[in-house]
C-alpha atoms as a PDB file:
ATOM      1  CA  MET A   1      90.763 101.026 100.729  1.00  0.00           C
ATOM      2  CA  ARG A   2      87.347  99.519 101.416  1.00  0.00           C
ATOM      3  CA  LYS A   3      88.053  99.305 105.130  1.00  0.00           C
ATOM      4  CA  ARG A   4      88.833 103.020 105.278  1.00  0.00           C
ATOM      5  CA  ILE A   5      85.772 103.880 103.172  1.00  0.00           C
ATOM      6  CA  ARG A   6      83.625 101.859 105.568  1.00  0.00           C
ATOM      7  CA  GLU A   7      85.003 103.938 108.429  1.00  0.00           C
ATOM      8  CA  LEU A   8      84.350 107.194 106.570  1.00  0.00           C
ATOM      9  CA  THR A   9      80.803 106.229 105.571  1.00  0.00           C
ATOM     10  CA  ASN A  10      79.779 104.926 108.983  1.00  0.00           C
ATOM     11  CA  ARG A  11      76.416 106.481 109.811  1.00  0.00           C
ATOM     12  CA  ASN A  12      77.023 106.293 113.569  1.00  0.00           C
ATOM     13  CA  ASN A  13      80.102 108.516 113.783  1.00  0.00           C
ATOM     14  CA  GLY A  14      78.140 111.766 114.272  1.00  0.00           C
ATOM     15  CA  TRP A  15      79.678 113.674 111.371  1.00  0.00           C
ATOM     16  CA  GLY A  16      77.574 115.951 109.238  1.00  0.00           C
ATOM     17  CA  LYS A  17      77.007 115.351 105.547  1.00  0.00           C
ATOM     18  CA  GLU A  18      79.458 118.044 104.471  1.00  0.00           C
ATOM     19  CA  ASN A  19      82.258 116.835 106.736  1.00  0.00           C
ATOM     20  CA  ARG A  20      81.747 113.214 105.672  1.00  0.00           C
ATOM     21  CA  ALA A  21      81.724 114.154 101.973  1.00  0.00           C
ATOM     22  CA  ARG A  22      84.876 116.270 102.336  1.00  0.00           C
ATOM     23  CA  LYS A  23      86.832 113.543 104.135  1.00  0.00           C
ATOM     24  CA  LEU A  24      85.665 110.888 101.684  1.00  0.00           C
ATOM     25  CA  THR A  25      86.616 113.054  98.705  1.00  0.00           C
ATOM     26  CA  GLN A  26      90.063 113.762 100.155  1.00  0.00           C
ATOM     27  CA  PHE A  27      90.703 110.080 100.809  1.00  0.00           C
ATOM     28  CA  ILE A  28      89.588 108.911  97.368  1.00  0.00           C
ATOM     29  CA  ARG A  29      91.512 111.619  95.500  1.00  0.00           C
ATOM     30  CA  GLY A  30      94.660 110.843  97.456  1.00  0.00           C
ATOM     31  CA  TRP A  31      94.324 107.112  96.887  1.00  0.00           C
ATOM     32  CA  VAL A  32      93.677 107.476  93.155  1.00  0.00           C
ATOM     33  CA  ASN A  33      96.548 109.950  92.730  1.00  0.00           C
ATOM     34  CA  TYR A  34      98.953 107.685  94.620  1.00  0.00           C
ATOM     35  CA  PHE A  35      98.105 104.671  92.452  1.00  0.00           C
ATOM     36  CA  SER A  36      97.582 106.626  89.211  1.00  0.00           C
ATOM     37  CA  LEU A  37     100.314 104.767  87.327  1.00  0.00           C
ATOM     38  CA  ALA A  38      98.794 101.351  87.997  1.00  0.00           C
ATOM     39  CA  ASP A  39      96.147  99.789  85.767  1.00  0.00           C
ATOM     40  CA  MET A  40      93.150 100.091  88.081  1.00  0.00           C
ATOM     41  CA  LYS A  41      90.213 100.607  85.722  1.00  0.00           C
ATOM     42  CA  SER A  42      88.328  97.414  86.664  1.00  0.00           C
ATOM     43  CA  LEU A  43      89.092  97.841  90.369  1.00  0.00           C
ATOM     44  CA  LEU A  44      87.866 101.433  90.339  1.00  0.00           C
ATOM     45  CA  ASN A  45      84.693 100.488  88.455  1.00  0.00           C
ATOM     46  CA  LYS A  46      83.837  97.829  91.055  1.00  0.00           C
ATOM     47  CA  THR A  47      84.724 100.147  93.925  1.00  0.00           C
ATOM     48  CA  ASP A  48      82.652 102.951  92.384  1.00  0.00           C
ATOM     49  CA  GLU A  49      79.551 100.727  92.232  1.00  0.00           C
ATOM     50  CA  TRP A  50      80.068  99.633  95.832  1.00  0.00           C
ATOM     51  CA  LEU A  51      80.721 103.190  97.047  1.00  0.00           C
ATOM     52  CA  ARG A  52      77.606 104.544  95.347  1.00  0.00           C
ATOM     53  CA  HIS A  53      75.598 101.936  97.229  1.00  0.00           C
ATOM     54  CA  LYS A  54      77.191 103.030 100.530  1.00  0.00           C
ATOM     55  CA  ILE A  55      76.475 106.697  99.813  1.00  0.00           C
ATOM     56  CA  ARG A  56      72.841 106.004  98.922  1.00  0.00           C
ATOM     57  CA  ALA A  57      72.486 104.117 102.206  1.00  0.00           C
ATOM     58  CA  ILE A  58      73.774 107.145 104.143  1.00  0.00           C
ATOM     59  CA  TYR A  59      71.449 109.683 102.561  1.00  0.00           C
ATOM     60  CA  TRP A  60      68.422 107.394 102.459  1.00  0.00           C
ATOM     61  CA  LYS A  61      68.367 107.044 106.262  1.00  0.00           C
ATOM     62  CA  GLN A  62      68.948 110.705 107.120  1.00  0.00           C
END
């Protein structure tokens, strides 16, 4: 999951903010829905902290 998020949040891919946000949202919703039956609360909390850092890095530079 983190590898794919790194690809989606890459600042050098030339996507606009809206396109990047839409693709990231689609990926995360699909991933969470697929694994919804598993106990992922701690994993999602850690991933959420990491993802927020990545998103801040994107919008800070632009």
